[in-house]
Each structure stands twice: as C-alpha cells, then as structure tokens.
C-alpha cells in the first residue's frame, strides 16, 4: 500500500502530551503494556514519540508506533 492510499483512509497523529491509552491489544503483552503504561511517560520525558494511525471513517485506532 502506498503512502497516498494510506493517507486517503487514515489519519496519523502523535499521542497527546497528557493523553493516556486506556485499552490496547495488538496480541503482544509486552507491547500492550508499554502502550498503556509507559508510552505517556516516554512522551513527557522526550524518550520516544508514539504515533496513532486511526481510520477516518470508523475512528478505529489501527496501529500505534513508537519511535525514539
């Protein structure tokens, strides 16, 4: 899938500075734990930036990616 196709259907945004993810399940317990418990702290301390990919029509969060 090309970037243009992704951006036509999805919105990409940074996890907000004071935003907390209440539920997340990607099938990997360690990643789930990081997203729910650690990602906000990493964002506040500038250790990593977490991005949320959300479908424009359904508002379903499809994937969360963290970069340091």
Protein backbone atom coordinates (compact mmCIF):
# COMPACT_ATOMS: atom_id res chain seq x y z
CA UNK A 1 0.00 0.00 0.00
CA UNK A 2 1.39 3.40 -0.97
CA UNK A 3 1.52 6.44 1.31
CA UNK A 4 -1.18 8.21 -0.72
CA UNK A 5 -3.55 5.27 -0.25
CA UNK A 6 -2.91 5.14 3.49
CA UNK A 7 -3.41 8.88 3.94
CA UNK A 8 -6.66 8.74 1.96
CA UNK A 9 -8.20 6.42 4.57
CA UNK A 10 -6.21 7.03 7.75
CA UNK A 11 -5.18 9.91 9.97
CA UNK A 12 -1.75 9.83 11.63
CA UNK A 13 -1.21 11.79 14.81
CA UNK A 14 1.13 11.93 17.77
CA UNK A 15 0.00 10.61 21.12
CA UNK A 16 -1.00 13.73 23.05
CA UNK A 17 1.20 15.01 25.85
CA UNK A 18 -1.44 14.26 28.50
CA UNK A 19 -3.26 11.53 26.59
CA UNK A 20 -3.48 8.10 28.15
CA UNK A 21 -4.39 4.96 26.23
CA UNK A 22 -6.94 3.05 28.30
CA UNK A 23 -7.22 -0.05 26.11
CA UNK A 24 -4.87 -1.50 23.53
CA UNK A 25 -4.37 -5.05 22.36
CA UNK A 26 -2.10 -5.96 19.47
CA UNK A 27 -1.64 -9.55 20.60
CA UNK A 28 1.75 -8.91 22.22
CA UNK A 29 1.53 -8.49 26.00
CA UNK A 30 4.80 -6.53 26.27
CA UNK A 31 3.76 -4.03 23.60
CA UNK A 32 0.28 -3.71 25.10
CA UNK A 33 1.85 -2.95 28.50
CA UNK A 34 4.21 -0.37 27.01
CA UNK A 35 1.46 1.47 25.13
CA UNK A 36 -0.92 1.57 28.09
CA UNK A 37 1.60 2.19 30.90
CA UNK A 38 4.86 3.57 29.52
CA UNK A 39 4.19 5.48 26.29
CA UNK A 40 2.78 8.58 28.04
CA UNK A 41 5.84 8.79 30.33
CA UNK A 42 8.22 8.33 27.40
CA UNK A 43 6.39 11.14 25.57
CA UNK A 44 6.57 13.52 28.55
CA UNK A 45 10.29 12.87 29.07
CA UNK A 46 11.05 13.05 25.31
CA UNK A 47 12.44 9.50 25.24
CA UNK A 48 10.12 8.38 22.44
CA UNK A 49 7.23 9.60 20.32
CA UNK A 50 4.19 7.38 19.84
CA UNK A 51 2.06 7.76 16.71
CA UNK A 52 -1.53 6.64 16.33
CA UNK A 53 -2.96 5.53 12.99
CA UNK A 54 -6.74 5.99 13.02
CA UNK A 55 -9.23 5.09 10.28
CA UNK A 56 -11.01 8.29 9.14
CA UNK A 57 -14.46 6.71 8.75
CA UNK A 58 -14.62 4.42 11.78
CA UNK A 59 -12.21 6.26 14.14
CA UNK A 60 -10.81 2.84 14.95
CA UNK A 61 -7.19 3.02 16.04
CA UNK A 62 -5.44 0.61 13.73
CA UNK A 63 -1.85 0.73 14.92
CA UNK A 64 0.32 2.57 17.36
CA UNK A 65 4.01 3.00 16.60
CA UNK A 66 6.73 4.36 18.87
CA UNK A 67 10.00 5.88 17.70
CA UNK A 68 12.88 7.04 19.84
